[in-house]
N, C-alpha and C. Protein backbone atom coordinates (compact mmCIF):
# COMPACT_ATOMS: atom_id res chain seq x y z
N MET A 1 1.00 -1.18 0.54
CA MET A 1 0.35 -0.03 -0.01
C MET A 1 0.81 1.22 -0.15
N ALA A 2 1.95 1.45 0.54
CA ALA A 2 2.75 2.39 1.10
C ALA A 2 3.55 2.91 -0.76
N ASN A 3 3.88 1.30 -1.46
CA ASN A 3 4.27 1.90 -2.41
C ASN A 3 3.09 2.07 -3.40
N ARG A 4 2.03 2.07 -3.37
CA ARG A 4 1.01 2.34 -4.36
C ARG A 4 0.28 3.68 -3.82
N ILE A 5 0.76 4.76 -2.45
CA ILE A 5 0.22 5.29 -2.30
C ILE A 5 1.47 6.89 -2.92
N ARG A 6 2.66 6.21 -2.70
CA ARG A 6 3.91 7.24 -3.24
C ARG A 6 3.19 8.12 -4.59
N PRO A 7 2.89 7.61 -4.92
CA PRO A 7 2.84 8.68 -6.52
C PRO A 7 1.86 9.22 -6.27
N VAL A 8 0.88 8.94 -5.71
CA VAL A 8 -0.37 9.68 -5.45
C VAL A 8 -0.03 11.14 -4.64
N LEU A 9 0.82 10.77 -3.42
CA LEU A 9 1.19 11.83 -2.66
C LEU A 9 1.96 12.77 -3.10
N MET A 10 2.69 12.41 -4.31
CA MET A 10 3.41 13.51 -4.96
C MET A 10 2.57 14.06 -5.61
N GLU A 11 1.09 14.60 -5.91
CA GLU A 11 0.67 15.25 -6.92
C GLU A 11 -0.41 15.60 -5.67
N ILE A 12 -0.50 15.29 -4.15
CA ILE A 12 -1.56 15.57 -3.31
C ILE A 12 -0.81 16.69 -2.57
N ILE A 13 0.69 16.50 -1.81
CA ILE A 13 1.52 17.45 -1.19
C ILE A 13 2.05 18.12 -1.82
N SER A 14 2.11 19.44 -0.97
CA SER A 14 2.94 20.62 -1.63
C SER A 14 3.69 20.58 -1.70
N ASN A 15 4.55 21.21 -2.98
CA ASN A 15 6.15 21.38 -2.58
C ASN A 15 6.67 21.98 -1.24
N ASN A 16 5.98 22.32 -0.57
CA ASN A 16 6.77 23.09 0.89
C ASN A 16 6.43 21.72 1.88
N GLN A 17 6.36 20.86 1.47
CA GLN A 17 6.25 19.54 2.40
C GLN A 17 7.81 19.21 2.43
N SER A 18 8.45 18.91 3.05
CA SER A 18 9.75 18.56 2.89
C SER A 18 10.41 17.12 3.60
N ALA A 19 9.35 16.55 4.31
CA ALA A 19 9.86 15.14 5.17
C ALA A 19 9.15 13.77 3.88
N PHE A 20 9.86 13.08 4.17
CA PHE A 20 9.28 11.75 3.73
C PHE A 20 9.29 11.54 2.08
N PHE A 21 9.86 12.58 1.73
CA PHE A 21 9.77 12.81 -0.23
C PHE A 21 11.66 12.55 -0.56
N PRO A 22 11.95 11.86 -1.42
CA PRO A 22 13.17 11.66 -2.04
C PRO A 22 13.39 12.96 -2.16
N GLY A 23 14.40 13.55 -2.09
CA GLY A 23 14.96 14.45 -2.78
C GLY A 23 15.27 16.01 -1.26
N ARG A 24 13.79 15.55 -0.91
CA ARG A 24 13.42 16.55 0.48
C ARG A 24 13.88 16.26 1.61
N PHE A 25 14.32 16.88 2.53
CA PHE A 25 14.97 17.09 4.03
C PHE A 25 14.14 17.65 4.79
N ILE A 26 14.01 17.01 5.85
CA ILE A 26 13.52 17.81 7.24
C ILE A 26 14.21 18.75 8.09
N SER A 27 15.22 18.41 7.44
CA SER A 27 16.41 19.92 8.04
C SER A 27 15.91 21.09 7.65
N ASP A 28 15.99 21.16 6.06
CA ASP A 28 15.58 22.19 5.84
C ASP A 28 14.55 23.26 6.70
N ASN A 29 13.60 22.91 7.21
CA ASN A 29 12.67 23.40 8.29
C ASN A 29 13.36 24.21 8.78
N ILE A 30 14.38 24.02 9.54
CA ILE A 30 15.24 25.03 10.30
C ILE A 30 15.55 26.17 9.81
N LEU A 31 15.87 26.01 9.08
CA LEU A 31 16.39 27.05 8.26
C LEU A 31 15.09 27.57 7.78
N ILE A 32 14.09 27.36 7.26
CA ILE A 32 13.03 28.09 7.11
C ILE A 32 12.33 28.95 7.82
N ALA A 33 12.23 28.07 9.18
CA ALA A 33 11.67 28.14 10.41
C ALA A 33 12.63 29.82 10.64
N HIS A 34 13.99 29.66 10.97
CA HIS A 34 15.00 30.96 10.84
C HIS A 34 14.48 32.10 10.70
N GLU A 35 14.67 31.57 8.98
CA GLU A 35 14.06 32.70 8.53
C GLU A 35 12.90 33.89 8.33
N VAL A 36 12.04 32.70 8.51
CA VAL A 36 10.33 33.83 8.82
C VAL A 36 10.08 34.31 10.27
N LEU A 37 10.88 33.95 11.26
CA LEU A 37 10.80 34.13 12.69
C LEU A 37 11.65 35.50 12.37
N TYR A 38 13.09 35.47 11.80
CA TYR A 38 13.44 36.88 11.65
C TYR A 38 12.50 37.96 10.80
N PHE A 39 12.14 37.46 10.04
CA PHE A 39 11.16 38.48 9.19
C PHE A 39 10.29 38.66 9.91
N MET A 40 9.43 38.35 10.69
CA MET A 40 8.14 38.64 11.63
C MET A 40 9.01 38.98 13.00
N ASN A 41 10.16 39.08 13.31
CA ASN A 41 10.59 39.89 14.39
C ASN A 41 10.96 40.96 13.84
N SER A 42 11.17 40.94 12.58
CA SER A 42 12.12 42.72 12.08
C SER A 42 10.76 43.35 11.38
N ASN A 43 9.74 42.83 11.20
CA ASN A 43 8.84 43.82 10.29
C ASN A 43 7.24 43.64 11.78
N LYS A 44 7.54 44.35 12.40
CA LYS A 44 6.82 44.28 13.66
C LYS A 44 5.80 45.82 13.57
N ARG A 45 6.08 46.97 12.23
CA ARG A 45 5.23 48.16 12.21
C ARG A 45 4.00 48.00 11.41
N GLY A 46 3.28 48.45 11.96
CA GLY A 46 2.04 48.55 10.47
C GLY A 46 0.96 47.41 10.95
N LYS A 47 -0.60 47.70 10.24
CA LYS A 47 -1.15 46.87 10.08
C LYS A 47 -1.53 45.60 9.87
N ASN A 48 -0.17 45.03 9.08
CA ASN A 48 -0.13 43.72 9.07
C ASN A 48 0.51 42.72 10.69
N THR A 49 -0.01 41.99 10.41
CA THR A 49 0.31 40.96 11.82
C THR A 49 0.49 39.79 11.41
N SER A 50 1.84 38.80 12.06
CA SER A 50 2.24 37.84 11.71
C SER A 50 1.58 36.87 12.94
N MET A 51 1.38 35.57 12.76
CA MET A 51 1.73 34.94 13.93
C MET A 51 2.69 33.13 13.24
N ALA A 52 3.41 32.53 14.37
CA ALA A 52 3.90 31.48 13.81
C ALA A 52 3.14 30.92 15.07
N ILE A 53 3.04 29.07 14.42
CA ILE A 53 2.28 28.01 15.60
C ILE A 53 3.62 26.97 14.81
N LYS A 54 4.05 26.98 16.78
CA LYS A 54 5.01 25.47 17.00
C LYS A 54 4.21 24.22 17.43
N LEU A 55 4.72 23.39 16.38
CA LEU A 55 3.97 22.14 16.94
C LEU A 55 4.96 20.93 17.30
N ASP A 56 4.92 20.47 18.63
CA ASP A 56 5.54 19.40 18.95
C ASP A 56 4.95 17.52 17.94
N MET A 57 5.57 17.70 17.27
CA MET A 57 5.14 16.42 16.64
C MET A 57 6.20 15.39 17.25
N SER A 58 6.24 15.61 18.23
CA SER A 58 7.25 13.91 18.64
C SER A 58 6.20 12.84 18.84
N LYS A 59 5.20 13.31 19.11
CA LYS A 59 3.78 12.19 19.65
C LYS A 59 2.69 12.21 18.70
N ALA A 60 2.83 12.62 17.42
CA ALA A 60 1.92 12.76 16.46
C ALA A 60 1.42 11.85 16.48
N TYR A 61 2.41 11.16 16.42
CA TYR A 61 1.43 9.70 15.65
C TYR A 61 0.50 9.05 16.66
N ASP A 62 1.09 9.00 18.30
CA ASP A 62 -0.16 8.80 18.79
C ASP A 62 -1.59 9.43 19.02
N ARG A 63 -1.19 10.59 18.63
CA ARG A 63 -2.35 11.51 18.47
C ARG A 63 -3.44 11.66 17.34
N VAL A 64 -2.77 11.08 16.38
CA VAL A 64 -3.66 11.07 15.38
C VAL A 64 -5.13 10.61 15.33
N GLU A 65 -6.55 11.15 15.61
CA GLU A 65 -7.56 11.13 15.54
C GLU A 65 -8.16 10.08 14.43
N ARG A 66 -8.32 8.85 14.50
CA ARG A 66 -8.59 8.21 13.14
C ARG A 66 -9.97 8.30 12.31
N LYS A 67 -10.74 9.35 12.89
CA LYS A 67 -11.84 9.90 12.01
C LYS A 67 -11.42 10.69 11.35
N PHE A 68 -10.39 11.78 11.70
CA PHE A 68 -10.05 12.91 10.69
C PHE A 68 -9.28 12.22 9.95
N LEU A 69 -8.14 11.50 10.17
CA LEU A 69 -7.79 10.84 8.66
C LEU A 69 -8.62 10.27 7.57
N GLU A 70 -10.10 9.98 8.20
CA GLU A 70 -10.29 8.88 7.49
C GLU A 70 -11.44 10.04 6.16
N TYR A 71 -11.55 11.14 7.38
CA TYR A 71 -12.56 12.47 6.56
C TYR A 71 -11.19 13.08 5.58
N VAL A 72 -9.95 12.94 6.07
CA VAL A 72 -9.22 13.56 4.69
C VAL A 72 -9.35 13.20 3.56
N MET A 73 -8.92 11.47 3.62
CA MET A 73 -8.64 11.13 2.78
C MET A 73 -10.02 11.05 1.89
N HIS A 74 -11.31 11.09 2.27
CA HIS A 74 -12.56 11.04 1.49
C HIS A 74 -12.36 12.68 1.04
N LYS A 75 -11.85 13.58 1.90
CA LYS A 75 -12.12 15.28 1.15
C LYS A 75 -11.34 15.31 -0.53
N LEU A 76 -9.80 14.28 -0.40
CA LEU A 76 -8.86 14.56 -1.07
C LEU A 76 -9.31 13.39 -2.52
N GLY A 77 -10.34 12.40 -2.37
CA GLY A 77 -10.73 12.04 -3.07
C GLY A 77 -10.58 10.43 -3.16
N PHE A 78 -9.99 9.67 -2.36
CA PHE A 78 -9.70 8.26 -2.07
C PHE A 78 -10.63 7.71 -2.45
N SER A 79 -10.69 6.39 -2.85
CA SER A 79 -12.04 5.47 -3.03
C SER A 79 -12.24 4.69 -1.88
N SER A 80 -13.69 4.88 -1.71
CA SER A 80 -13.77 4.29 -0.79
C SER A 80 -13.28 3.05 0.17
N THR A 81 -12.96 2.15 -1.06
CA THR A 81 -12.14 0.63 -1.21
C THR A 81 -10.82 1.01 -0.29
N TRP A 82 -10.20 2.06 -0.79
CA TRP A 82 -8.76 1.96 -0.34
C TRP A 82 -9.05 2.66 1.22
N ILE A 83 -9.95 3.36 1.34
CA ILE A 83 -10.26 4.55 2.18
C ILE A 83 -10.47 3.43 3.43
N ASP A 84 -11.23 2.01 3.21
CA ASP A 84 -11.59 0.66 4.26
C ASP A 84 -10.02 0.30 4.49
N TRP A 85 -9.42 0.00 3.26
CA TRP A 85 -8.11 -0.91 3.63
C TRP A 85 -7.24 -0.10 4.35
N THR A 86 -7.28 1.07 3.97
CA THR A 86 -6.26 1.86 5.08
C THR A 86 -6.76 1.87 6.64
N MET A 87 -8.45 1.80 6.78
CA MET A 87 -8.57 2.14 8.37
C MET A 87 -8.77 0.87 8.69
N SER A 88 -8.87 -0.25 8.16
CA SER A 88 -8.69 -1.59 8.56
C SER A 88 -7.53 -1.83 8.89
N LEU A 89 -6.50 -1.52 8.18
CA LEU A 89 -5.25 -1.45 8.95
C LEU A 89 -5.01 -0.36 10.47
N VAL A 90 -5.22 0.66 9.98
CA VAL A 90 -4.90 1.79 11.19
C VAL A 90 -5.39 1.34 12.52
N SER A 91 -6.61 0.19 12.27
CA SER A 91 -7.32 -0.15 13.20
C SER A 91 -7.04 -1.57 13.84
N SER A 92 -6.31 -1.90 13.34
CA SER A 92 -6.02 -3.43 13.72
C SER A 92 -4.70 -3.66 14.67
N VAL A 93 -4.50 -2.63 15.04
CA VAL A 93 -2.75 -2.54 16.24
C VAL A 93 -4.07 -2.70 17.65
N SER A 94 -3.18 -3.68 18.38
CA SER A 94 -3.54 -3.67 19.86
C SER A 94 -2.12 -4.27 20.51
N TYR A 95 -2.15 -4.05 21.95
CA TYR A 95 -0.75 -3.69 22.62
C TYR A 95 -1.37 -4.92 23.73
N SER A 96 -0.21 -5.17 23.96
CA SER A 96 -0.69 -6.58 25.41
C SER A 96 0.62 -6.37 26.57
N SER A 97 0.54 -6.60 27.46
CA SER A 97 1.13 -6.76 28.44
C SER A 97 1.43 -8.16 29.08
N LEU A 98 2.76 -8.09 29.21
CA LEU A 98 3.44 -9.29 29.55
C LEU A 98 3.41 -9.77 31.26
N LEU A 99 2.76 -10.49 31.60
CA LEU A 99 2.73 -11.01 33.22
C LEU A 99 3.20 -12.51 32.96
N ASN A 100 4.22 -12.69 33.69
CA ASN A 100 5.03 -13.56 33.89
C ASN A 100 5.53 -14.34 32.76
N GLY A 101 5.70 -13.33 31.63
CA GLY A 101 6.22 -13.64 30.76
C GLY A 101 5.38 -14.01 29.28
N ALA A 102 4.06 -13.82 29.97
CA ALA A 102 2.93 -14.88 28.86
C ALA A 102 2.10 -13.05 28.45
N PRO A 103 1.58 -13.12 27.38
CA PRO A 103 0.54 -11.80 27.00
C PRO A 103 -0.65 -11.87 27.95
N LYS A 104 -1.25 -11.02 28.97
CA LYS A 104 -2.25 -11.30 29.23
C LYS A 104 -3.36 -10.09 29.05
N VAL A 105 -3.14 -8.84 29.37
CA VAL A 105 -3.84 -7.83 29.02
C VAL A 105 -3.68 -7.08 27.54
N PHE A 106 -4.85 -7.28 26.78
CA PHE A 106 -5.10 -7.06 25.57
C PHE A 106 -5.65 -5.34 25.33
N VAL A 107 -4.88 -4.41 24.81
CA VAL A 107 -5.37 -3.07 24.73
C VAL A 107 -5.85 -2.32 22.99
N ARG A 108 -6.84 -1.91 22.78
CA ARG A 108 -6.81 -1.60 21.34
C ARG A 108 -6.65 -0.22 21.87
N PRO A 109 -5.91 0.79 20.77
CA PRO A 109 -6.17 2.36 21.20
C PRO A 109 -7.35 3.04 20.20
N THR A 110 -7.89 3.99 20.57
CA THR A 110 -9.02 4.44 19.80
C THR A 110 -8.39 5.33 19.29
N ARG A 111 -7.24 5.96 19.18
CA ARG A 111 -6.55 6.81 18.04
C ARG A 111 -4.99 6.78 17.93
N GLY A 112 -4.49 6.94 16.81
CA GLY A 112 -3.07 6.91 16.78
C GLY A 112 -3.12 6.38 15.18
N ILE A 113 -1.71 6.20 14.64
CA ILE A 113 -1.18 5.32 13.56
C ILE A 113 0.12 4.63 14.23
N ARG A 114 0.34 3.29 13.57
CA ARG A 114 1.60 2.86 13.88
C ARG A 114 2.39 3.39 13.35
N GLN A 115 3.45 3.38 14.41
CA GLN A 115 5.00 3.80 14.12
C GLN A 115 5.78 2.75 13.58
N TRP A 116 6.51 3.07 12.70
CA TRP A 116 7.17 1.65 12.05
C TRP A 116 6.75 1.18 10.54
N ASP A 117 5.62 1.45 10.71
CA ASP A 117 4.83 0.89 9.66
C ASP A 117 4.92 1.87 8.28
N PRO A 118 5.35 1.15 7.16
CA PRO A 118 5.94 2.14 6.04
C PRO A 118 4.38 2.71 5.54
N LEU A 119 3.60 2.60 5.58
CA LEU A 119 2.50 3.25 5.49
C LEU A 119 1.98 4.79 6.25
N SER A 120 2.98 4.66 7.69
CA SER A 120 2.31 5.60 8.48
C SER A 120 3.33 7.37 8.29
N PRO A 121 4.05 7.33 7.80
CA PRO A 121 4.46 8.58 7.64
C PRO A 121 3.54 8.86 6.06
N TYR A 122 3.29 8.55 5.61
CA TYR A 122 1.83 9.01 4.20
C TYR A 122 0.56 8.88 4.97
N LEU A 123 0.14 8.40 6.07
CA LEU A 123 -1.10 8.91 6.53
C LEU A 123 -0.89 10.25 6.98
N PHE A 124 0.81 9.99 7.78
CA PHE A 124 0.67 11.21 8.40
C PHE A 124 0.76 12.72 8.25
N LEU A 125 1.11 12.35 6.64
CA LEU A 125 1.14 13.60 5.89
C LEU A 125 -0.06 13.95 5.09
N LEU A 126 -1.29 13.16 4.98
CA LEU A 126 -2.75 13.79 4.50
C LEU A 126 -2.85 13.97 5.89
N CYS A 127 -2.92 13.62 7.25
CA CYS A 127 -3.31 14.27 8.09
C CYS A 127 -2.71 15.92 8.55
N ALA A 128 -1.39 15.96 7.98
CA ALA A 128 -0.85 17.58 8.05
C ALA A 128 -1.46 18.18 6.66
N LYS A 129 -1.72 17.77 5.73
CA LYS A 129 -2.75 18.45 4.95
C LYS A 129 -3.82 18.80 5.20
N GLY A 130 -4.53 18.38 5.98
CA GLY A 130 -5.97 18.34 6.59
C GLY A 130 -5.69 19.59 7.63
N LEU A 131 -4.91 19.65 8.09
CA LEU A 131 -4.44 20.59 9.29
C LEU A 131 -4.33 21.91 8.53
N LEU A 132 -3.48 21.68 7.56
CA LEU A 132 -3.07 23.09 6.69
C LEU A 132 -4.57 23.72 6.16
N ALA A 133 -4.92 22.85 5.74
CA ALA A 133 -6.01 23.35 5.40
C ALA A 133 -7.29 24.45 5.96
N LEU A 134 -7.46 23.24 7.50
CA LEU A 134 -8.07 23.87 8.73
C LEU A 134 -7.61 25.23 8.75
N LEU A 135 -6.22 24.87 9.06
CA LEU A 135 -5.80 26.50 9.37
C LEU A 135 -5.66 27.75 7.85
N ARG A 136 -5.83 27.28 6.76
CA ARG A 136 -6.43 27.81 5.58
C ARG A 136 -7.58 28.78 6.06
N ARG A 137 -8.10 27.73 5.93
CA ARG A 137 -9.77 28.45 6.24
C ARG A 137 -10.11 29.29 7.15
N ALA A 138 -9.72 28.61 8.72
CA ALA A 138 -9.58 29.65 9.65
C ALA A 138 -9.00 31.13 9.36
N ARG A 139 -7.65 31.02 8.39
CA ARG A 139 -7.52 32.32 8.05
C ARG A 139 -8.35 33.40 7.28
N GLU A 140 -9.21 32.47 6.45
CA GLU A 140 -9.58 33.30 5.50
C GLU A 140 -11.12 33.79 6.18
N THR A 141 -11.36 32.89 6.89
CA THR A 141 -13.03 33.07 7.59
C THR A 141 -12.32 34.47 8.81
N LYS A 142 -11.32 34.39 8.81
CA LYS A 142 -10.72 35.72 10.24
C LYS A 142 -11.21 35.08 11.27
N ALA A 143 -11.34 33.76 11.50
CA ALA A 143 -11.26 33.35 12.50
C ALA A 143 -9.95 33.31 13.42
N LEU A 144 -8.54 33.35 12.83
CA LEU A 144 -7.49 33.31 13.41
C LEU A 144 -6.67 34.58 13.34
């Protein structure tokens, strides 16, 4: 599935996205963030205001709401079959605790996507695209 979604994402995800794509480096974001903050700090005059949001992505995989992922995939035009396959993959996760060396307690998380799964970075990119769309809509409606 990861190999099949990769070419589609190249069409969907903006050129500004720098992680998880060949030839793009997440470290480029450090330079961009520095330049943006420098610009914002040096242009404090006038009616134009700016805002920067820092998101802690360290636990983002664990916080992804599956309904949001499903909604974003639907809005981006993925087929219902593909969405069903993806959601069944995402929802099939379970964790267990070992008691005396044997698994005893099984827990099914209600949100999050698997880390280390080849598909997860691409699903995360879809969620980031959805968040960006929500932020743009808030800016356009002056909610931000």
